[in-house]
Amino acid sequence: RNIFSIALTLLDPGPSVPSFAEPDLANGNMFLATLRIQGNTNRLQVSIMTQEGQSGTLNAFVFTKVSPKVCHLVENKILPLSLHRSVPIPKELDPAEPYCQVSMQGSFGLAQMHSWITTCFPSMPPKVPEGDSVRFDFESTYTHARVSVQYSKGEATFRSCNLSALATIKDLVSKAAASSKVKLDVKPPPVIDENAVTRMLTLLHPKLHKLLKLKEDVRFIEALHELSNGTGDDSAHSFLSPDLQNVLKRADELRAEHTNNAKHISFLEHVLEQLFIDRFKFRSINVKHRVSEVHALVDKYSWEALLTLFAVTATPTPAS
């Protein structure tokens, strides 16, 4: 059971038989699934996909098979930037790595800012490290985009090419400060490097291109089998292009990869949608009424169309 506002997707239920209930919004439950274990299985591992930007709690109620019946509650906190992991801090910034920057000033203390940041990222130490200034670096396990957070008494700076990560930190820290009645200002104004926006799109492009290519290949498999009379004889489809012949040879492999492909495309579409909103949010432009353009882009995808949608200067198509 998932509590609060975060949406979850079950990718692999393992050896269990899953059944799902409609989200119970009145009680704050966005995800409710029952996993029934069959046979003599006494261990279960499942794969769940979550979107960043929201927080929640994933509660797993584990019931024993034997009597007396016992229920064990396993509680998992899901933080807004849960797909990020802590990485070593480089000795100096890579000049080839463009980034955007959000700075904050206010009457907060070092420990106070540290407590706010721990609500954003996993694996943060509960206690403030020694020193007048603290820095942590994180990397997205999905895109490998880095996020750098540095703060001291009264000042904090956040850097990344991922505007959605910066927007999430900015919103969460601002809300926490308001809740604690601490004065906080975003100043100087955020620095948006257009090269950083392009860099983020470059990280996303190969992933989306691969998913959409897989979707297209699987759609062709049955038709290609019919064209080759389903004989499995290589000579029967020698008239096909090398790419289509390769699709037929890898048919079983492609079908296996395609099992959760629609879910991954939906996930990446949401990432693009949020990045699109945040990209223009930093320009003080509301584009929520234009999110349908993101869905249209995914339906008819190209690198050039992606750059046009995000109002980025055209650059060569990155390697897929």
Protein backbone atom coordinates (compact mmCIF):
# COMPACT_ATOMS: atom_id res chain seq x y z
CA ARG A 1 0.00 0.00 0.00
CA ASN A 2 1.26 3.45 -0.95
CA ILE A 3 0.32 6.44 1.20
CA PHE A 4 0.31 10.08 0.10
CA SER A 5 0.54 11.39 -3.46
CA ILE A 6 3.24 9.37 -5.21
CA ALA A 7 2.32 7.12 -8.14
CA LEU A 8 3.91 3.66 -8.31
CA THR A 9 4.09 1.05 -11.07
CA LEU A 10 4.66 -2.66 -10.46
CA LEU A 11 7.17 -3.90 -13.04
CA ASP A 12 7.93 -7.44 -11.91
CA PRO A 13 5.77 -9.27 -9.33
CA GLY A 14 8.24 -12.14 -9.13
CA PRO A 15 6.62 -15.56 -8.54
CA SER A 16 3.49 -13.98 -7.05
CA VAL A 17 0.05 -13.48 -8.59
CA PRO A 18 -0.82 -9.78 -8.29
CA SER A 19 -4.25 -8.19 -8.09
CA PHE A 20 -4.85 -4.46 -7.97
CA ALA A 21 -7.44 -2.18 -6.40
CA GLU A 22 -8.43 1.28 -7.55
CA PRO A 23 -6.55 4.14 -5.84
CA ASP A 24 -8.24 5.21 -2.60
CA LEU A 25 -7.74 8.95 -2.88
CA ALA A 26 -9.96 9.72 0.11
CA ASN A 27 -7.45 7.94 2.37
CA GLY A 28 -4.39 9.08 0.44
CA ASN A 29 -3.64 5.68 -1.15
CA MET A 30 -2.39 5.90 -4.74
CA PHE A 31 -1.38 2.25 -5.09
CA LEU A 32 -2.86 -0.91 -3.58
CA ALA A 33 -1.83 -4.39 -4.69
CA THR A 34 -2.19 -7.88 -3.24
CA LEU A 35 0.56 -10.37 -4.09
CA ARG A 36 -0.46 -14.01 -3.54
CA ILE A 37 2.36 -16.50 -3.15
CA GLN A 38 1.80 -19.98 -4.52
CA GLY A 39 3.53 -23.29 -3.83
CA ASN A 40 6.39 -23.51 -1.36
CA THR A 41 7.86 -20.10 -2.09
CA ASN A 42 8.92 -18.31 1.10
CA ARG A 43 10.87 -15.42 -0.44
CA LEU A 44 9.56 -12.69 -2.71
CA GLN A 45 11.37 -9.95 -4.59
CA VAL A 46 9.42 -7.44 -6.68
CA SER A 47 10.38 -4.49 -8.89
CA ILE A 48 8.51 -1.20 -8.48
CA MET A 49 8.98 1.98 -10.49
CA THR A 50 8.34 5.40 -8.99
CA GLN A 51 8.21 8.93 -10.37
CA GLU A 52 10.34 11.65 -8.79
CA GLY A 53 8.98 14.93 -7.51
CA GLN A 54 6.58 13.54 -4.91
CA SER A 55 7.05 11.73 -1.61
CA GLY A 56 5.19 8.98 0.14
CA THR A 57 5.38 5.77 2.14
CA LEU A 58 5.24 2.27 0.71
CA ASN A 59 3.82 -0.13 3.29
CA ALA A 60 4.15 -3.87 2.75
CA PHE A 61 1.96 -6.08 4.98
CA VAL A 62 3.49 -9.57 5.03
CA PHE A 63 1.24 -12.39 6.27
CA THR A 64 2.56 -15.77 7.35
CA LYS A 65 1.17 -19.02 5.89
CA VAL A 66 1.30 -20.95 9.13
CA SER A 67 -0.91 -20.53 12.18
CA PRO A 68 -1.16 -18.48 14.22
CA LYS A 69 -1.45 -15.87 11.47
CA VAL A 70 0.95 -12.97 11.95
CA CYS A 71 1.28 -9.74 9.95
CA HIS A 72 4.64 -8.00 9.68
CA LEU A 73 4.67 -4.38 8.49
CA VAL A 74 7.62 -3.25 6.35
CA GLU A 75 7.63 0.53 5.87
CA ASN A 76 9.63 2.20 3.10
CA LYS A 77 9.96 5.97 2.83
CA ILE A 78 10.06 7.25 -0.75
CA LEU A 79 11.67 10.68 -0.99
CA PRO A 80 11.03 13.22 -3.79
CA LEU A 81 14.44 12.57 -5.39
CA SER A 82 14.49 8.86 -4.59
CA LEU A 83 16.21 7.90 -7.87
CA HIS A 84 19.36 9.79 -6.87
CA ARG A 85 22.37 8.32 -5.09
CA SER A 86 25.25 9.98 -3.30
CA VAL A 87 28.52 10.13 -5.27
CA PRO A 88 32.05 11.35 -4.43
CA ILE A 89 32.61 15.08 -4.75
CA PRO A 90 34.99 15.94 -7.63
CA LYS A 91 38.03 18.06 -6.81
CA GLU A 92 36.86 20.69 -9.29
CA LEU A 93 33.90 21.31 -11.59
CA ASP A 94 34.18 19.81 -15.06
CA PRO A 95 34.27 22.79 -17.47
CA ALA A 96 32.64 20.59 -20.13
CA GLU A 97 29.66 19.89 -17.86
CA PRO A 98 27.18 22.80 -18.12
CA TYR A 99 24.78 23.37 -15.26
CA CYS A 100 21.96 25.60 -14.07
CA GLN A 101 22.07 27.16 -10.62
CA VAL A 102 19.56 28.09 -7.93
CA SER A 103 20.77 30.09 -4.91
CA MET A 104 18.95 30.84 -1.66
CA GLN A 105 19.60 33.24 1.17
CA GLY A 106 17.82 33.57 4.49
CA SER A 107 17.89 33.40 8.26
CA PHE A 108 18.32 29.61 8.39
CA GLY A 109 21.14 27.81 10.16
CA LEU A 110 23.40 25.11 8.77
CA ALA A 111 21.63 22.33 10.67
CA GLN A 112 18.24 23.63 9.59
CA MET A 113 19.11 23.57 5.89
CA HIS A 114 20.65 20.12 6.33
CA SER A 115 17.40 18.79 7.81
CA TRP A 116 15.48 20.19 4.83
CA ILE A 117 17.83 18.57 2.31
CA THR A 118 17.48 15.19 4.03
CA THR A 119 13.79 15.26 3.07
CA CYS A 120 14.80 15.45 -0.62
CA PHE A 121 17.51 12.83 -1.11
CA PRO A 122 18.03 9.28 0.20
CA SER A 123 21.23 8.22 1.99
CA MET A 124 21.78 11.59 3.64
CA PRO A 125 23.56 11.47 7.02
CA PRO A 126 21.19 12.46 9.85
CA LYS A 127 23.82 14.67 11.48
CA VAL A 128 25.46 17.72 9.93
CA PRO A 129 29.10 17.12 8.97
CA GLU A 130 31.66 19.28 10.69
CA GLY A 131 32.64 22.59 9.13
CA ASP A 132 31.14 25.95 8.27
CA SER A 133 30.07 24.78 4.80
CA VAL A 134 28.64 21.45 3.64
CA ARG A 135 28.53 19.94 0.15
CA PHE A 136 26.94 16.77 -1.21
CA ASP A 137 26.88 15.50 -4.78
CA PHE A 138 24.24 13.15 -6.17
CA GLU A 139 23.73 11.34 -9.44
CA SER A 140 20.48 10.19 -11.01
CA THR A 141 20.46 6.40 -11.35
CA TYR A 142 18.27 6.86 -14.44
CA THR A 143 19.84 9.70 -16.45
CA HIS A 144 23.22 9.99 -14.65
CA ALA A 145 22.70 13.76 -14.39
CA ARG A 146 24.52 15.15 -11.35
CA VAL A 147 23.13 17.41 -8.66
CA SER A 148 25.41 19.42 -6.36
CA VAL A 149 24.09 20.93 -3.11
CA GLN A 150 26.25 23.27 -1.03
CA TYR A 151 25.11 25.25 1.99
CA SER A 152 26.30 27.20 4.99
CA LYS A 153 24.62 29.43 7.52
CA GLY A 154 22.24 31.71 5.61
CA GLU A 155 23.27 30.58 2.12
CA ALA A 156 22.60 27.59 -0.13
CA THR A 157 23.47 26.82 -3.76
CA PHE A 158 22.11 24.00 -5.93
CA ARG A 159 23.55 23.09 -9.34
CA SER A 160 22.46 20.60 -12.01
CA CYS A 161 21.58 20.28 -15.69
CA ASN A 162 18.30 18.71 -14.52
CA LEU A 163 15.86 21.59 -14.04
CA SER A 164 13.24 19.24 -12.56
CA ALA A 165 15.62 18.27 -9.76
CA LEU A 166 16.38 21.94 -9.07
CA ALA A 167 12.67 22.83 -9.12
CA THR A 168 11.90 20.00 -6.67
CA ILE A 169 14.63 21.14 -4.23
CA LYS A 170 13.57 24.79 -4.54
CA ASP A 171 9.89 23.99 -3.85
CA LEU A 172 10.56 21.62 -0.94
CA VAL A 173 13.06 23.91 0.80
CA SER A 174 10.76 26.92 0.32
CA LYS A 175 7.80 25.04 1.81
CA ALA A 176 9.89 23.80 4.73
CA ALA A 177 11.14 27.32 5.44
CA ALA A 178 7.61 28.72 5.29
CA SER A 179 6.38 25.99 7.63
CA SER A 180 9.18 26.86 10.09
CA LYS A 181 8.51 30.60 9.62
CA VAL A 182 12.05 31.14 8.43
CA LYS A 183 12.78 34.00 6.03
CA LEU A 184 14.05 32.64 2.73
CA ASP A 185 14.67 34.30 -0.64
CA VAL A 186 15.72 32.87 -3.99
CA LYS A 187 18.51 35.26 -4.89
CA PRO A 188 20.34 36.05 -6.95
CA PRO A 189 17.89 34.95 -9.69
CA PRO A 190 18.33 31.37 -11.00
CA VAL A 191 21.02 30.97 -13.67
CA ILE A 192 19.75 28.91 -16.61
CA ASP A 193 22.45 27.74 -19.00
CA GLU A 194 20.89 26.75 -22.34
CA ASN A 195 23.74 24.28 -22.87
CA ALA A 196 22.68 22.53 -19.66
CA VAL A 197 19.11 22.19 -20.97
CA THR A 198 20.49 20.63 -24.15
CA ARG A 199 22.72 18.37 -22.04
CA MET A 200 19.70 17.02 -20.16
CA LEU A 201 17.81 16.35 -23.38
CA THR A 202 20.90 14.60 -24.73
CA LEU A 203 20.82 12.24 -21.74
CA LEU A 204 17.13 11.43 -22.29
CA HIS A 205 17.16 11.06 -26.08
CA PRO A 206 18.92 7.64 -26.36
CA LYS A 207 16.58 6.13 -23.78
CA LEU A 208 13.41 7.30 -25.49
CA HIS A 209 14.72 6.43 -28.95
CA LYS A 210 15.55 2.88 -27.82
CA LEU A 211 12.13 2.34 -26.21
CA LEU A 212 10.24 3.63 -29.24
CA LYS A 213 12.42 1.58 -31.61
CA LEU A 214 11.65 -1.55 -29.59
CA LYS A 215 7.93 -0.76 -29.72
CA GLU A 216 8.13 -0.40 -33.51
CA ASP A 217 10.16 -3.61 -33.98
CA VAL A 218 7.75 -5.73 -31.94
CA ARG A 219 4.84 -4.33 -33.93
CA PHE A 220 6.51 -5.59 -37.12
CA ILE A 221 7.29 -9.12 -35.91
CA GLU A 222 3.94 -10.80 -36.71
CA ALA A 223 3.67 -9.10 -40.09
CA LEU A 224 7.21 -10.14 -40.97
CA HIS A 225 6.48 -13.75 -39.99
CA GLU A 226 3.51 -13.76 -42.35
CA LEU A 227 5.62 -12.32 -45.16
CA SER A 228 8.17 -15.08 -44.68
CA ASN A 229 5.35 -17.70 -44.53
CA GLY A 230 6.35 -18.55 -40.96
CA THR A 231 8.84 -21.13 -42.24
CA GLY A 232 11.77 -19.92 -40.16
CA ASP A 233 13.90 -20.49 -43.26
CA ASP A 234 16.36 -17.63 -43.76
CA SER A 235 15.97 -17.83 -47.54
CA ALA A 236 12.22 -17.16 -47.18
CA HIS A 237 12.86 -13.62 -46.01
CA SER A 238 16.05 -12.85 -47.91
CA PHE A 239 14.17 -10.06 -49.71
CA LEU A 240 13.83 -8.13 -46.44
CA SER A 241 16.26 -5.39 -45.46
CA PRO A 242 19.08 -6.38 -43.06
CA ASP A 243 17.37 -4.45 -40.23
CA LEU A 244 14.07 -6.33 -40.68
CA GLN A 245 15.89 -9.68 -40.97
CA ASN A 246 17.57 -8.90 -37.67
CA VAL A 247 14.16 -8.16 -36.11
CA LEU A 248 12.92 -11.61 -37.15
CA LYS A 249 16.04 -13.36 -35.83
CA ARG A 250 15.68 -11.61 -32.46
CA ALA A 251 11.89 -11.97 -32.25
CA ASP A 252 11.81 -13.87 -28.94
CA GLU A 253 14.42 -11.60 -27.39
CA LEU A 254 12.54 -8.46 -28.48
CA ARG A 255 9.22 -9.78 -27.14
CA ALA A 256 10.87 -10.46 -23.76
CA GLU A 257 12.33 -6.94 -23.65
CA HIS A 258 8.96 -5.50 -24.60
CA THR A 259 7.18 -6.91 -21.52
CA ASN A 260 7.32 -3.62 -19.59
CA ASN A 261 8.14 -1.35 -22.52
CA ALA A 262 4.83 0.56 -22.41
CA LYS A 263 5.38 1.30 -18.70
CA HIS A 264 8.90 2.59 -19.36
CA ILE A 265 7.68 4.81 -22.20
CA SER A 266 4.96 6.20 -19.91
CA PHE A 267 7.60 6.84 -17.23
CA LEU A 268 9.89 8.69 -19.63
CA GLU A 269 6.95 10.63 -21.05
CA HIS A 270 6.19 11.86 -17.53
CA VAL A 271 9.86 12.84 -17.06
CA LEU A 272 9.73 14.89 -20.27
CA GLU A 273 6.40 16.41 -19.30
CA GLN A 274 7.74 17.57 -15.93
CA LEU A 275 11.00 18.81 -17.45
CA PHE A 276 8.98 20.77 -20.04
CA ILE A 277 6.93 22.43 -17.28
CA ASP A 278 10.00 23.20 -15.14
CA ARG A 279 12.06 24.47 -18.07
CA PHE A 280 9.53 27.25 -18.71
CA LYS A 281 8.64 27.66 -15.03
CA PHE A 282 12.11 29.13 -14.49
CA ARG A 283 11.20 31.62 -17.21
CA SER A 284 8.02 32.47 -15.29
CA ILE A 285 5.92 30.94 -18.08
CA ASN A 286 3.08 28.52 -17.33
CA VAL A 287 2.94 25.78 -20.01
CA LYS A 288 0.77 23.23 -18.22
CA HIS A 289 -1.90 23.77 -20.87
CA ARG A 290 0.65 22.60 -23.47
CA VAL A 291 1.57 19.22 -21.96
CA SER A 292 -0.41 17.52 -24.74
CA GLU A 293 2.43 18.60 -27.02
CA VAL A 294 4.75 16.28 -25.09
CA HIS A 295 2.43 13.33 -25.75
CA ALA A 296 2.26 14.31 -29.44
CA LEU A 297 6.06 14.43 -29.52
CA VAL A 298 6.36 10.89 -28.16
CA ASP A 299 3.85 9.63 -30.75
CA LYS A 300 5.89 11.15 -33.58
CA TYR A 301 9.33 11.44 -32.07
CA SER A 302 12.46 13.04 -33.47
CA TRP A 303 15.47 14.78 -31.94
CA GLU A 304 14.74 17.94 -33.89
CA ALA A 305 11.11 18.03 -32.62
CA LEU A 306 12.35 17.57 -29.04
CA LEU A 307 14.66 20.59 -29.34
CA THR A 308 11.91 22.67 -30.92
CA LEU A 309 9.45 21.84 -28.14
CA PHE A 310 11.97 22.88 -25.48
CA ALA A 311 12.94 26.00 -27.44
CA VAL A 312 16.57 24.91 -27.64
CA THR A 313 19.01 25.77 -30.43
CA ALA A 314 19.37 22.89 -32.88
CA THR A 315 22.36 20.59 -32.35
CA PRO A 316 23.48 17.36 -34.04
CA THR A 317 21.52 14.25 -33.10
CA PRO A 318 23.29 12.47 -30.19
CA ALA A 319 24.25 8.83 -30.51
CA SER A 320 21.44 6.43 -29.60
